[in-house]
Amino acid sequence: MSSRVLGLYRSLERRPLGRWLFSRLVCIKAPYFAGIAPRIVDLRPGHGEATIAHRRRVSNHLGTVHAIALCNLAEFIGGLAT
């Protein structure tokens, strides 16, 4: 993981709304992910956890989370963790 990215995350994670802010900053840098509004739960070298809220914009016609939204979430956190 880039030491700049991890350093920024570590400096923000301790602050109120720090994880939310870091997630938003990543979405500003890579706007493709803004549509799913991911939230980082944990991030360290080789490990990452993130969530998305079950909202209409990430739901399919059956009312479940769309597979592509989950793929986007995996790409979001996988890219940060590696």
Protein backbone atom coordinates (compact mmCIF):
# COMPACT_ATOMS: atom_id res chain seq x y z
CA MET A 1 0.00 0.00 0.00
CA SER A 2 1.24 3.44 -0.77
CA SER A 3 2.68 4.94 2.39
CA ARG A 4 0.94 8.24 1.51
CA VAL A 5 -2.50 6.59 1.35
CA LEU A 6 -1.97 4.57 4.51
CA GLY A 7 -0.50 7.59 6.30
CA LEU A 8 -3.48 9.72 5.37
CA TYR A 9 -5.88 7.01 6.53
CA ARG A 10 -4.07 6.58 9.85
CA SER A 11 -4.05 10.30 10.50
CA LEU A 12 -7.79 10.61 9.80
CA GLU A 13 -9.10 7.40 11.37
CA ARG A 14 -8.59 8.68 14.92
CA ARG A 15 -10.62 11.82 14.32
CA PRO A 16 -14.40 12.11 14.52
CA LEU A 17 -15.81 11.25 11.08
CA GLY A 18 -12.25 10.50 9.93
CA ARG A 19 -13.08 7.23 8.19
CA TRP A 20 -16.03 8.86 6.49
CA LEU A 21 -13.82 11.73 5.33
CA PHE A 22 -11.15 9.37 4.01
CA SER A 23 -13.81 7.42 2.10
CA ARG A 24 -15.11 10.67 0.59
CA LEU A 25 -11.60 11.74 -0.40
CA VAL A 26 -11.07 8.46 -2.23
CA CYS A 27 -14.41 8.98 -4.02
CA ILE A 28 -13.33 12.48 -5.04
CA LYS A 29 -10.09 11.07 -6.46
CA ALA A 30 -11.95 8.16 -8.12
CA PRO A 31 -15.52 9.43 -8.76
CA TYR A 32 -16.67 6.05 -10.08
CA PHE A 33 -17.07 4.84 -6.49
CA ALA A 34 -19.20 7.77 -5.34
CA GLY A 35 -22.33 6.06 -6.66
CA ILE A 36 -22.15 3.34 -4.01
CA ALA A 37 -20.99 5.69 -1.20
CA PRO A 38 -18.62 3.20 0.47
CA ARG A 39 -17.54 3.54 4.09
CA ILE A 40 -14.22 2.17 5.25
CA VAL A 41 -14.36 0.11 8.45
CA ASP A 42 -10.69 -0.91 8.66
CA LEU A 43 -7.63 -0.51 6.48
CA ARG A 44 -4.12 -1.82 6.97
CA PRO A 45 -1.52 -3.40 4.67
CA GLY A 46 -3.04 -6.47 3.04
CA HIS A 47 -6.39 -6.06 4.79
CA GLY A 48 -9.40 -3.87 4.20
CA GLU A 49 -13.04 -3.75 5.24
CA ALA A 50 -15.72 -1.48 3.83
CA THR A 51 -19.49 -1.32 3.79
CA ILE A 52 -22.27 0.18 1.72
CA ALA A 53 -25.74 1.08 2.91
CA HIS A 54 -28.64 -0.82 1.38
CA ARG A 55 -30.32 2.02 -0.49
CA ARG A 56 -32.36 2.24 -3.64
CA ARG A 57 -29.41 3.32 -5.78
CA VAL A 58 -27.52 0.07 -5.05
CA SER A 59 -30.58 -2.19 -5.23
CA ASN A 60 -31.79 -4.31 -8.10
CA HIS A 61 -35.37 -5.01 -9.19
CA LEU A 62 -35.68 -7.74 -6.54
CA GLY A 63 -34.88 -5.33 -3.72
CA THR A 64 -31.49 -6.86 -2.94
CA VAL A 65 -28.06 -5.28 -3.34
CA HIS A 66 -27.03 -5.36 -6.98
CA ALA A 67 -24.09 -7.63 -7.84
CA ILE A 68 -22.29 -4.80 -9.65
CA ALA A 69 -22.54 -2.60 -6.54
CA LEU A 70 -20.82 -5.38 -4.59
CA CYS A 71 -18.16 -5.70 -7.31
CA ASN A 72 -17.55 -1.95 -7.08
CA LEU A 73 -17.21 -2.25 -3.30
CA ALA A 74 -14.70 -5.10 -3.73
CA GLU A 75 -12.70 -3.06 -6.24
CA PHE A 76 -12.77 -0.01 -3.94
CA ILE A 77 -11.42 -1.74 -0.86
CA GLY A 78 -9.24 -4.22 -2.74
CA GLY A 79 -7.43 -1.41 -4.49
CA LEU A 80 -6.80 0.37 -1.21
CA ALA A 81 -5.69 -2.77 0.61
CA THR A 82 -3.21 -3.77 -2.07
